[in-house]
Amino acid sequence: MQAVEIYTSPTCGFCHAAKRLLRDKGVAFTEIDIRANPDRKPEMINRAGGRMTVPQIFIGDTHVGGCDDLFALENRGGLDPLLAGG
């Protein structure tokens, strides 16, 4: 299983939805709260190609994007293969 990282903020409903989807699939992830760790926000923006909103989700070396991108990936059947490393 690929490593999953998600940059979040505690008041972000989209962050909660993305984390819920990952948890429902039994996926362990590393959460980086940019409100508690504001020094990590420039890192997120750089990794996300300039995107400044949360969540920003990474699976392995792949930038998935935000919550809508994660759900779209799941709906088209691409999330499980990406998580598996394919």
C-alpha atoms as a PDB file:
ATOM      1  CA  MET A   1       0.000   0.000   0.000  1.00  0.00           C
ATOM      2  CA  GLN A   2       1.260   3.445  -0.956  1.00  0.00           C
ATOM      3  CA  ALA A   3       1.853   6.064   1.729  1.00  0.00           C
ATOM      4  CA  VAL A   4      -0.967   8.605   1.904  1.00  0.00           C
ATOM      5  CA  GLU A   5      -0.513  12.177   3.111  1.00  0.00           C
ATOM      6  CA  ILE A   6      -3.291  14.710   3.470  1.00  0.00           C
ATOM      7  CA  TYR A   7      -2.860  18.378   4.315  1.00  0.00           C
ATOM      8  CA  THR A   8      -5.869  19.562   6.308  1.00  0.00           C
ATOM      9  CA  SER A   9      -7.416  22.196   8.512  1.00  0.00           C
ATOM     10  CA  PRO A  10      -9.635  21.257  11.475  1.00  0.00           C
ATOM     11  CA  THR A  11     -12.644  23.327  10.348  1.00  0.00           C
ATOM     12  CA  CYS A  12     -12.622  22.117   6.729  1.00  0.00           C
ATOM     13  CA  GLY A  13     -15.651  19.996   5.841  1.00  0.00           C
ATOM     14  CA  PHE A  14     -13.991  18.775   2.649  1.00  0.00           C
ATOM     15  CA  CYS A  15     -11.029  17.578   4.731  1.00  0.00           C
ATOM     16  CA  HIS A  16     -13.367  15.609   6.971  1.00  0.00           C
ATOM     17  CA  ALA A  17     -15.109  14.056   3.955  1.00  0.00           C
ATOM     18  CA  ALA A  18     -11.808  13.030   2.347  1.00  0.00           C
ATOM     19  CA  LYS A  19     -10.535  11.508   5.596  1.00  0.00           C
ATOM     20  CA  ARG A  20     -13.836   9.678   6.069  1.00  0.00           C
ATOM     21  CA  LEU A  21     -13.560   8.110   2.590  1.00  0.00           C
ATOM     22  CA  LEU A  22     -10.004   6.977   3.302  1.00  0.00           C
ATOM     23  CA  ARG A  23     -10.951   5.587   6.731  1.00  0.00           C
ATOM     24  CA  ASP A  24     -13.969   3.762   5.270  1.00  0.00           C
ATOM     25  CA  LYS A  25     -11.598   2.075   2.833  1.00  0.00           C
ATOM     26  CA  GLY A  26      -9.265   1.114   5.697  1.00  0.00           C
ATOM     27  CA  VAL A  27      -6.486   3.386   4.442  1.00  0.00           C
ATOM     28  CA  ALA A  28      -3.970   4.672   6.967  1.00  0.00           C
ATOM     29  CA  PHE A  29      -2.800   8.208   6.265  1.00  0.00           C
ATOM     30  CA  THR A  30      -0.565  10.889   7.665  1.00  0.00           C
ATOM     31  CA  GLU A  31      -2.459  14.083   8.394  1.00  0.00           C
ATOM     32  CA  ILE A  32      -0.652  17.411   8.273  1.00  0.00           C
ATOM     33  CA  ASP A  33      -2.745  20.096   9.965  1.00  0.00           C
ATOM     34  CA  ILE A  34      -1.590  23.365   8.411  1.00  0.00           C
ATOM     35  CA  ARG A  35      -3.375  25.435  11.036  1.00  0.00           C
ATOM     36  CA  ALA A  36      -1.409  23.753  13.834  1.00  0.00           C
ATOM     37  CA  ASN A  37       1.748  23.691  11.672  1.00  0.00           C
ATOM     38  CA  PRO A  38       1.628  26.854   9.535  1.00  0.00           C
ATOM     39  CA  ASP A  39       5.270  26.381   8.555  1.00  0.00           C
ATOM     40  CA  ARG A  40       4.115  23.370   6.481  1.00  0.00           C
ATOM     41  CA  LYS A  41       1.737  25.417   4.285  1.00  0.00           C
ATOM     42  CA  PRO A  42       4.461  26.587   1.834  1.00  0.00           C
ATOM     43  CA  GLU A  43       5.533  22.940   1.518  1.00  0.00           C
ATOM     44  CA  MET A  44       1.945  21.971   0.660  1.00  0.00           C
ATOM     45  CA  ILE A  45       1.614  24.757  -1.909  1.00  0.00           C
ATOM     46  CA  ASN A  46       4.891  23.756  -3.542  1.00  0.00           C
ATOM     47  CA  ARG A  47       4.015  20.057  -3.643  1.00  0.00           C
ATOM     48  CA  ALA A  48       0.503  20.816  -4.929  1.00  0.00           C
ATOM     49  CA  GLY A  49       1.720  22.902  -7.864  1.00  0.00           C
ATOM     50  CA  GLY A  50       0.500  26.173  -6.382  1.00  0.00           C
ATOM     51  CA  ARG A  51      -2.828  24.999  -5.011  1.00  0.00           C
ATOM     52  CA  MET A  52      -3.485  26.726  -1.699  1.00  0.00           C
ATOM     53  CA  THR A  53      -6.711  25.113  -0.477  1.00  0.00           C
ATOM     54  CA  VAL A  54      -7.122  22.109   1.782  1.00  0.00           C
ATOM     55  CA  PRO A  55      -7.307  19.238   1.592  1.00  0.00           C
ATOM     56  CA  GLN A  56      -4.381  18.419  -0.642  1.00  0.00           C
ATOM     57  CA  ILE A  57      -3.969  14.668  -0.943  1.00  0.00           C
ATOM     58  CA  PHE A  58      -0.895  12.721  -1.993  1.00  0.00           C
ATOM     59  CA  ILE A  59      -0.720   8.977  -2.603  1.00  0.00           C
ATOM     60  CA  GLY A  60       2.853   7.867  -2.976  1.00  0.00           C
ATOM     61  CA  ASP A  61       4.425  10.372  -5.364  1.00  0.00           C
ATOM     62  CA  THR A  62       1.077  11.237  -6.965  1.00  0.00           C
ATOM     63  CA  HIS A  63      -0.716  14.473  -6.160  1.00  0.00           C
ATOM     64  CA  VAL A  64      -4.385  13.476  -6.220  1.00  0.00           C
ATOM     65  CA  GLY A  65      -5.648  16.992  -5.522  1.00  0.00           C
ATOM     66  CA  GLY A  66      -8.508  17.942  -3.249  1.00  0.00           C
ATOM     67  CA  CYS A  67     -11.611  16.222  -1.924  1.00  0.00           C
ATOM     68  CA  ASP A  68     -13.542  16.389  -5.208  1.00  0.00           C
ATOM     69  CA  ASP A  69     -10.538  14.925  -7.022  1.00  0.00           C
ATOM     70  CA  LEU A  70     -10.313  12.073  -4.506  1.00  0.00           C
ATOM     71  CA  PHE A  71     -14.005  11.213  -4.864  1.00  0.00           C
ATOM     72  CA  ALA A  72     -13.792  11.432  -8.674  1.00  0.00           C
ATOM     73  CA  LEU A  73     -10.827   9.051  -8.607  1.00  0.00           C
ATOM     74  CA  GLU A  74     -12.812   6.643  -6.426  1.00  0.00           C
ATOM     75  CA  ASN A  75     -15.911   6.893  -8.657  1.00  0.00           C
ATOM     76  CA  ARG A  76     -13.977   6.019 -11.806  1.00  0.00           C
ATOM     77  CA  GLY A  77     -12.291   3.050 -10.106  1.00  0.00           C
ATOM     78  CA  GLY A  78      -8.820   4.550  -9.931  1.00  0.00           C
ATOM     79  CA  LEU A  79      -8.320   4.938  -6.197  1.00  0.00           C
ATOM     80  CA  ASP A  80      -7.758   1.301  -5.244  1.00  0.00           C
ATOM     81  CA  PRO A  81      -5.146   0.679  -7.982  1.00  0.00           C
ATOM     82  CA  LEU A  82      -3.318   3.885  -7.029  1.00  0.00           C
ATOM     83  CA  LEU A  83      -3.316   2.900  -3.364  1.00  0.00           C
ATOM     84  CA  ALA A  84      -1.960  -0.523  -4.332  1.00  0.00           C
ATOM     85  CA  GLY A  85       0.882   1.098  -6.221  1.00  0.00           C
ATOM     86  CA  GLY A  86      -0.359   0.550  -9.725  1.00  0.00           C
END
